[in-house]
Protein backbone atom coordinates (compact mmCIF):
# COMPACT_ATOMS: atom_id res chain seq x y z
CA MET A 1 -0.07 0.10 -0.13
CA THR A 2 1.22 3.11 -1.29
CA SER A 3 1.47 5.56 1.82
CA LEU A 4 0.42 9.64 0.85
CA PRO A 5 3.42 12.25 0.53
CA PRO A 6 3.46 13.86 3.65
CA TRP A 7 2.52 17.15 1.26
CA ARG A 8 -0.63 15.61 1.13
CA THR A 9 -1.57 15.50 5.68
CA TRP A 10 -0.95 19.26 5.79
CA PRO A 11 -4.32 20.34 5.26
CA ASP A 12 -5.96 18.29 7.66
CA THR A 13 -3.33 18.81 10.43
CA LEU A 14 -3.53 22.43 10.44
CA VAL A 15 -7.08 22.26 10.38
CA ARG A 16 -7.20 19.86 13.41
CA THR A 17 -4.25 22.56 14.80
CA ALA A 18 -6.74 25.59 14.28
CA ALA A 19 -9.50 23.66 15.98
CA SER A 20 -7.68 23.16 19.21
CA ALA A 21 -6.81 26.82 19.00
CA THR A 22 -9.38 28.40 18.55
CA ARG A 23 -11.69 25.58 21.50
CA SER A 24 -8.51 27.21 23.38
CA TYR A 25 -9.67 30.77 22.95
CA ARG A 26 -12.75 29.95 23.50
CA ALA A 27 -11.96 28.26 26.62
CA SER A 28 -9.84 31.33 27.26
CA ARG A 29 -12.83 33.79 27.08
CA ARG A 30 -14.65 32.13 29.40
CA LEU A 31 -12.11 32.29 32.03
CA ARG A 32 -11.71 35.61 31.89
CA LEU A 33 -14.05 38.23 33.97
CA PRO A 34 -15.52 41.08 31.80
CA ARG A 35 -14.25 44.33 31.92
CA LEU A 36 -15.43 46.02 35.26
CA ARG A 37 -16.27 49.74 35.97
CA LEU A 38 -15.71 51.80 38.70
CA GLY A 39 -18.48 54.62 39.77
CA VAL A 40 -19.11 57.14 42.95
CA SER A 41 -20.55 56.11 46.31
CA GLU A 42 -23.83 57.92 45.91
CA GLY A 43 -25.29 57.58 49.43
CA ARG A 44 -27.43 54.31 48.17
CA LEU A 45 -27.97 51.06 49.88
CA PRO A 46 -24.86 49.04 48.59
CA THR A 47 -25.09 46.57 45.91
CA ILE A 48 -24.19 42.92 45.96
CA PHE A 49 -23.11 42.32 42.11
CA TYR A 50 -22.80 38.37 41.43
CA VAL A 51 -20.85 37.11 38.14
CA CYS A 52 -22.37 34.75 36.09
CA PRO A 53 -21.08 33.46 32.78
CA ASP A 54 -23.36 34.32 29.61
CA VAL A 55 -24.52 30.45 29.57
CA LEU A 56 -27.35 29.28 27.79
CA GLY A 57 -27.62 25.72 28.19
CA PRO A 58 -28.85 23.85 31.92
CA THR A 59 -25.82 24.41 34.30
CA GLY A 60 -26.02 24.17 37.97
CA GLY A 61 -24.09 26.79 39.16
CA ALA A 62 -25.71 29.51 37.39
CA SER A 63 -29.38 28.46 38.47
CA VAL A 64 -27.26 28.56 42.31
CA ILE A 65 -26.01 32.18 41.04
CA TYR A 66 -29.68 32.94 40.07
CA GLN A 67 -30.93 31.76 43.29
CA HIS A 68 -29.27 33.89 45.56
CA VAL A 69 -30.23 36.63 43.39
CA GLU A 70 -33.60 36.28 43.76
CA ALA A 71 -33.40 35.26 47.37
CA LEU A 72 -31.70 38.52 48.20
CA ASN A 73 -34.11 41.04 46.94
CA ALA A 74 -37.05 38.91 47.84
CA ASN A 75 -35.74 39.83 51.46
CA GLY A 76 -34.40 43.42 51.23
CA ALA A 77 -31.01 42.96 50.17
CA ARG A 78 -30.34 44.64 46.62
CA ALA A 79 -28.66 42.21 44.26
CA VAL A 80 -28.38 41.74 40.13
CA VAL A 81 -26.46 39.63 38.02
CA MET A 82 -23.61 40.97 35.87
CA HIS A 83 -23.47 39.60 32.30
CA ALA A 84 -20.72 40.06 29.67
CA GLY A 85 -23.19 40.03 27.11
CA ARG A 86 -25.86 43.26 26.71
CA GLY A 87 -29.04 41.64 26.58
CA HIS A 88 -27.87 38.30 27.99
CA ARG A 89 -30.37 36.38 30.12
CA TYR A 90 -29.67 32.41 31.61
CA PRO A 91 -32.45 30.99 30.58
CA PHE A 92 -33.32 29.43 33.03
CA GLY A 93 -33.31 31.28 35.20
CA PRO A 94 -36.36 32.93 37.42
CA PRO A 95 -37.77 35.63 35.41
CA GLY A 96 -37.99 38.52 37.36
CA VAL A 97 -34.39 38.26 38.57
CA PRO A 98 -32.66 42.00 37.91
CA VAL A 99 -29.86 41.54 34.81
CA VAL A 100 -27.01 43.52 34.06
CA CYS A 101 -24.35 43.98 31.39
CA ALA A 102 -20.87 44.62 32.75
CA ALA A 103 -20.34 47.05 30.38
CA ASP A 104 -23.64 49.23 32.27
CA ALA A 105 -22.34 48.34 35.71
CA ARG A 106 -21.16 50.58 37.84
CA ILE A 107 -19.54 49.13 41.10
CA THR A 108 -18.29 51.17 43.76
CA PRO A 109 -15.88 50.52 47.06
CA GLU A 110 -19.35 50.20 48.89
CA ASP A 111 -20.70 47.53 46.78
CA LEU A 112 -19.74 43.79 46.67
CA LEU A 113 -18.39 41.72 44.12
CA VAL A 114 -19.25 37.75 44.02
CA VAL A 115 -17.05 36.39 41.33
CA PRO A 116 -17.27 32.57 40.75
CA GLU A 117 -14.02 30.54 41.19
CA MET A 118 -13.51 29.43 37.45
CA TYR A 119 -12.18 33.07 37.38
CA SER A 120 -9.52 33.13 39.67
CA PRO A 121 -6.84 33.34 36.75
CA SER A 122 -8.01 36.79 36.04
CA PHE A 123 -8.79 37.90 39.79
CA GLY A 124 -5.61 40.23 39.51
CA THR A 125 -8.02 42.11 36.75
CA ILE A 126 -10.43 42.91 39.23
CA PRO A 127 -9.58 46.55 41.11
CA SER A 128 -7.86 46.52 44.03
CA SER A 129 -10.72 49.38 45.43
CA LEU A 130 -13.59 46.79 44.99
CA ARG A 131 -14.60 44.11 47.89
CA VAL A 132 -14.91 40.74 46.27
CA LEU A 133 -15.66 37.37 47.62
CA VAL A 134 -15.44 34.58 45.80
CA PHE A 135 -18.11 32.07 44.94
CA ASN A 136 -16.60 28.64 44.90
CA GLN A 137 -19.24 26.02 43.60
CA ASN A 138 -16.68 23.02 43.63
CA VAL A 139 -13.50 23.34 45.33
CA HIS A 140 -11.47 20.42 42.73
CA LEU A 141 -11.71 23.33 40.25
CA PRO A 142 -8.94 25.16 41.48
CA PHE A 143 -7.14 23.30 39.73
CA HIS A 144 -8.26 22.96 36.09
CA GLY A 145 -6.33 25.16 34.22
CA HIS A 146 -3.53 25.75 36.10
CA GLY A 147 -1.52 23.39 34.19
CA SER A 148 0.94 21.24 37.12
CA GLU A 149 1.30 24.55 39.38
CA THR A 150 -1.40 23.93 41.42
CA GLN A 151 0.89 25.06 44.61
CA GLN A 152 -0.26 28.32 43.18
CA ALA A 153 -4.53 27.47 42.51
CA PHE A 154 -5.52 29.18 45.70
CA LEU A 155 -2.66 32.25 45.53
CA PRO A 156 -5.85 34.60 43.87
CA TYR A 157 -7.58 34.39 46.59
CA ARG A 158 -5.35 36.13 49.61
CA ARG A 159 -6.19 39.37 47.38
CA PRO A 160 -5.91 41.78 49.82
CA ASN A 161 -9.60 43.38 48.23
CA VAL A 162 -11.20 39.00 48.78
CA LEU A 163 -12.51 39.06 51.75
CA GLY A 164 -13.59 35.61 52.06
CA VAL A 165 -15.24 33.11 49.94
CA LEU A 166 -18.57 31.00 49.67
CA CYS A 167 -19.25 27.54 49.35
CA VAL A 168 -22.39 25.07 49.15
CA SER A 169 -21.70 21.70 51.06
CA GLN A 170 -19.64 20.98 54.27
CA ASP A 171 -17.19 19.18 52.66
CA ASN A 172 -16.27 21.44 50.63
CA GLU A 173 -16.16 24.57 53.50
CA ASP A 174 -13.66 21.77 55.62
CA TYR A 175 -12.01 21.59 52.30
CA LEU A 176 -11.45 24.92 51.96
CA ARG A 177 -10.95 26.23 55.57
CA TYR A 178 -8.11 23.78 55.37
CA ALA A 179 -6.44 24.96 52.39
CA MET A 180 -6.98 28.24 53.59
CA GLU A 181 -6.79 28.36 56.86
CA GLY A 182 -7.74 32.26 58.26
CA LEU A 183 -9.47 33.32 55.42
CA ALA A 184 -13.09 33.34 56.17
CA VAL A 185 -15.36 30.64 55.06
CA GLU A 186 -18.89 30.13 54.43
CA ARG A 187 -21.13 27.72 53.43
CA VAL A 188 -24.91 28.71 51.70
CA ARG A 189 -26.81 25.71 51.27
CA ASN A 190 -28.83 24.98 47.71
CA ARG A 191 -31.79 24.94 47.36
CA VAL A 192 -33.90 22.18 45.67
CA ASP A 193 -36.99 23.86 44.06
CA GLU A 194 -39.78 22.23 45.47
CA THR A 195 -41.60 23.56 42.66
CA LEU A 196 -40.16 21.02 39.78
CA PHE A 197 -38.69 18.11 42.19
CA HIS A 198 -41.38 16.47 43.79
CA PRO A 199 -42.79 13.09 44.32
CA ALA A 200 -45.95 12.63 41.81
CA GLY A 201 -47.77 9.46 43.24
CA ASP A 202 -46.59 5.88 42.12
CA TRP A 203 -44.12 4.55 40.12
CA ALA A 204 -45.30 3.32 35.98
CA THR A 205 -46.47 0.63 35.68
CA THR A 206 -43.12 -0.33 33.61
CA PRO A 207 -40.50 0.42 36.31
CA CYS A 208 -37.94 2.79 35.24
CA LEU A 209 -34.10 3.58 36.72
CA ALA A 210 -32.71 6.80 35.56
CA TYR A 211 -29.24 8.52 35.19
CA MET A 212 -27.46 11.28 33.88
CA PRO A 213 -24.56 10.15 31.89
CA ARG A 214 -22.61 13.32 32.45
CA ARG A 215 -19.67 12.04 35.04
CA ARG A 216 -17.61 8.39 34.90
CA ALA A 217 -18.43 7.30 31.52
CA GLU A 218 -15.74 4.39 31.80
CA ASP A 219 -17.60 3.34 35.13
CA ARG A 220 -21.08 3.89 33.85
CA ARG A 221 -19.98 1.68 31.03
CA GLU A 222 -18.69 -0.99 33.14
CA LEU A 223 -21.49 -0.96 35.25
CA PHE A 224 -23.74 -1.48 32.50
CA ALA A 225 -22.15 -3.83 31.35
CA LEU A 226 -22.12 -6.15 34.45
CA LEU A 227 -25.77 -5.76 35.29
CA GLU A 228 -26.63 -6.17 31.74
CA ALA A 229 -24.38 -10.41 31.82
CA ARG A 230 -26.62 -10.70 34.98
CA SER A 231 -29.74 -9.44 33.25
CA SER A 232 -30.72 -7.40 36.01
CA LEU A 233 -31.81 -4.84 33.95
CA ASP A 234 -34.53 -7.27 32.46
CA GLY A 235 -38.24 -5.52 32.74
CA TRP A 236 -36.47 -2.62 33.13
CA GLU A 237 -36.92 0.99 31.41
CA VAL A 238 -33.54 2.86 31.05
CA LYS A 239 -34.21 6.25 30.53
CA ALA A 240 -29.90 8.55 29.83
CA ILE A 241 -31.08 12.11 31.07
CA ASP A 242 -29.20 14.39 28.77
CA GLY A 243 -29.20 17.96 27.70
CA CYS A 244 -32.75 17.96 29.23
CA THR A 245 -34.27 21.59 30.76
CA PRO A 246 -35.13 21.32 34.21
CA SER A 247 -38.50 20.73 34.00
CA GLU A 248 -37.53 17.67 31.44
CA THR A 249 -35.20 16.07 33.50
CA ALA A 250 -38.03 16.98 37.11
CA ASP A 251 -40.65 14.78 35.07
CA ILE A 252 -38.59 11.76 34.10
CA LEU A 253 -37.33 11.49 37.84
CA ARG A 254 -41.03 11.87 39.40
CA THR A 255 -42.01 8.30 37.09
CA SER A 256 -38.93 6.82 37.76
CA ALA A 257 -38.08 4.48 40.79
CA VAL A 258 -34.79 4.27 41.45
CA PHE A 259 -31.72 6.73 39.91
CA LEU A 260 -27.73 5.95 39.50
CA SER A 261 -25.51 8.07 41.21
CA PHE A 262 -21.99 9.14 39.28
CA SER A 263 -21.64 11.66 40.57
CA GLU A 264 -17.98 12.31 41.18
CA ARG A 265 -15.57 15.09 42.89
CA GLU A 266 -18.55 17.20 43.50
CA GLY A 267 -19.06 21.01 44.65
CA PHE A 268 -22.71 19.75 45.78
CA GLY A 269 -23.90 16.86 43.44
CA LEU A 270 -27.48 17.87 42.75
CA PRO A 271 -28.55 15.62 39.90
CA PRO A 272 -28.74 13.09 43.01
CA ALA A 273 -30.60 15.14 45.45
CA GLU A 274 -32.79 15.88 42.98
CA ALA A 275 -33.36 13.00 41.95
CA MET A 276 -34.67 12.51 46.08
CA ALA A 277 -36.51 14.82 45.53
CA CYS A 278 -38.78 13.58 42.93
CA GLY A 279 -39.15 10.10 46.00
CA CYS A 280 -36.75 8.24 43.62
CA TYR A 281 -34.37 5.37 45.35
CA VAL A 282 -30.86 6.13 44.58
CA VAL A 283 -27.89 4.50 44.57
CA GLY A 284 -24.25 4.95 44.14
CA PHE A 285 -21.24 7.40 44.38
CA THR A 286 -21.48 10.24 46.77
CA GLY A 287 -19.59 12.93 44.65
CA LEU A 288 -17.44 13.29 48.46
CA ALA A 289 -19.96 16.19 48.85
CA GLY A 290 -23.25 14.09 48.99
CA ARG A 291 -22.35 12.45 51.95
CA GLU A 292 -24.03 14.96 54.28
CA TYR A 293 -27.63 13.68 51.94
CA PHE A 294 -26.85 10.35 51.46
CA ARG A 295 -28.21 8.65 54.05
CA PRO A 296 -28.19 4.60 54.24
CA ASP A 297 -32.25 4.50 55.40
CA PHE A 298 -33.29 6.06 52.33
CA CYS A 299 -30.48 5.90 49.16
CA THR A 300 -27.46 3.41 49.22
CA PRO A 301 -24.36 4.96 48.86
CA VAL A 302 -21.79 3.12 47.08
CA PRO A 303 -17.74 3.68 47.69
CA GLU A 304 -16.22 6.05 45.55
CA GLY A 305 -14.90 4.14 42.39
CA ASP A 306 -16.16 0.56 43.37
CA VAL A 307 -18.20 -0.13 40.12
CA LEU A 308 -18.55 -3.82 41.30
CA ALA A 309 -19.99 -3.03 44.71
CA PHE A 310 -22.14 -0.28 42.65
CA ALA A 311 -23.14 -3.00 40.81
CA ARG A 312 -24.93 -5.83 43.05
CA ALA A 313 -26.02 -2.41 44.88
CA THR A 314 -28.17 -1.93 42.30
CA GLU A 315 -28.95 -5.38 41.97
CA GLU A 316 -30.45 -5.67 44.80
CA VAL A 317 -32.33 -2.47 45.01
CA LEU A 318 -33.60 -3.55 41.58
CA GLY A 319 -34.25 -6.85 43.14
CA ARG A 320 -36.50 -5.24 46.03
CA VAL A 321 -38.76 -2.97 43.78
CA ARG A 322 -39.74 -5.94 42.36
CA GLN A 323 -40.41 -7.63 45.68
CA ASP A 324 -41.21 -5.27 47.95
CA ARG A 325 -42.38 -2.54 45.77
CA PRO A 326 -43.32 -0.64 48.98
CA SER A 327 -41.11 -0.19 51.85
CA VAL A 328 -38.37 1.31 48.42
CA HIS A 329 -41.31 3.53 47.20
CA ALA A 330 -42.07 4.84 51.36
CA ALA A 331 -37.67 4.71 51.33
CA GLY A 332 -38.09 7.54 48.71
CA ARG A 333 -40.64 9.63 50.47
CA ARG A 334 -38.60 9.61 53.42
CA ALA A 335 -35.96 10.72 50.86
CA SER A 336 -37.84 13.19 49.65
CA GLU A 337 -38.79 14.83 52.63
CA PHE A 338 -35.29 15.24 53.97
CA ILE A 339 -34.11 16.57 51.05
CA LEU A 340 -36.60 19.38 51.04
CA ALA A 341 -36.58 20.18 54.09
CA GLU A 342 -33.14 20.61 54.80
CA TYR A 343 -32.44 22.52 51.02
CA SER A 344 -35.38 24.41 51.28
CA ALA A 345 -35.89 28.49 50.34
CA GLU A 346 -36.51 29.41 54.09
CA HIS A 347 -32.51 27.59 55.60
CA GLN A 348 -30.79 29.36 51.73
CA VAL A 349 -32.42 32.97 52.58
CA SER A 350 -31.37 32.25 56.42
CA ASP A 351 -27.45 31.27 55.75
CA LEU A 352 -27.53 34.42 53.40
CA ARG A 353 -28.45 36.39 56.16
CA ARG A 354 -25.92 35.11 58.24
CA VAL A 355 -23.26 35.88 55.16
CA TYR A 356 -24.20 39.33 53.66
CA GLU A 357 -25.11 41.04 57.65
CA ARG A 358 -20.65 39.72 58.15
CA PHE A 359 -19.66 41.22 55.39
CA LEU A 360 -22.09 44.68 54.67
């Protein structure tokens, strides 16, 4: 077989190189803070500016930012979501949340700028006169984008104008307190939206098993191979929740008996919590942060990375659904009651009030 001369491969190589450069450029743009404009104090109530990436698809991080701003305004504070693009609004956020373009905002030293962790490489562009809170929704993100110099990951938090850091789980709070001893760390509990994620009667006649395929692809393939080899999924409808809106996700979860959790190194882990809120019996990985709500009396946590334990636990739960459906259903109801009580709007508001009474 005659090989192609080297010059014949140049176009493909150039296309791949250009595509890689484009992806890198777009990633760097996403991690770059918009230009911030300073304003003069006018004696008004301080404003809390939450910087939010200009995302269009469903994402937990943007949803939580919009929840915070909605809750703060409903309880007497002045807060606004700041986007880079003029006219941009996260399509899955509450419609009444105030939004401003960074180019139109004027931030004063009396205001508070809440900046997601993902922007930490560009914290140096924030004017030193502005007061900053870092919003870290996943403690493992500081090690993304820093190359081999992971020891530099937390240095942006040490800037003089950074007052502290917010997080969303007990696991992440412990991590941050250890990593940055002496820096103020505050946890604000996430809210699981009870208007979407709640039980709805009994399950369908054909039991449904749901999961989200975004994490642990290799573990997922191995798990399903084990279950199929033992015919454990016979008689079950298996649904992958991917690319769904929050409403579509909730519709699937409310009709599912079991949810498989592939959480990995989470900031909180909303999918299994939302599944529990809908009454699903959850089996799987906690992603570490999920340990605070993976209670063995209403779900089955398995050791991180142990696919065999995952398969055995799943098979056992599927068997229980066939043989004793009411007991599994009752466990799912207990899970829902716990999640909706612990991660309620009231608890989120009380946490936010404590944080901003401290920093404002």
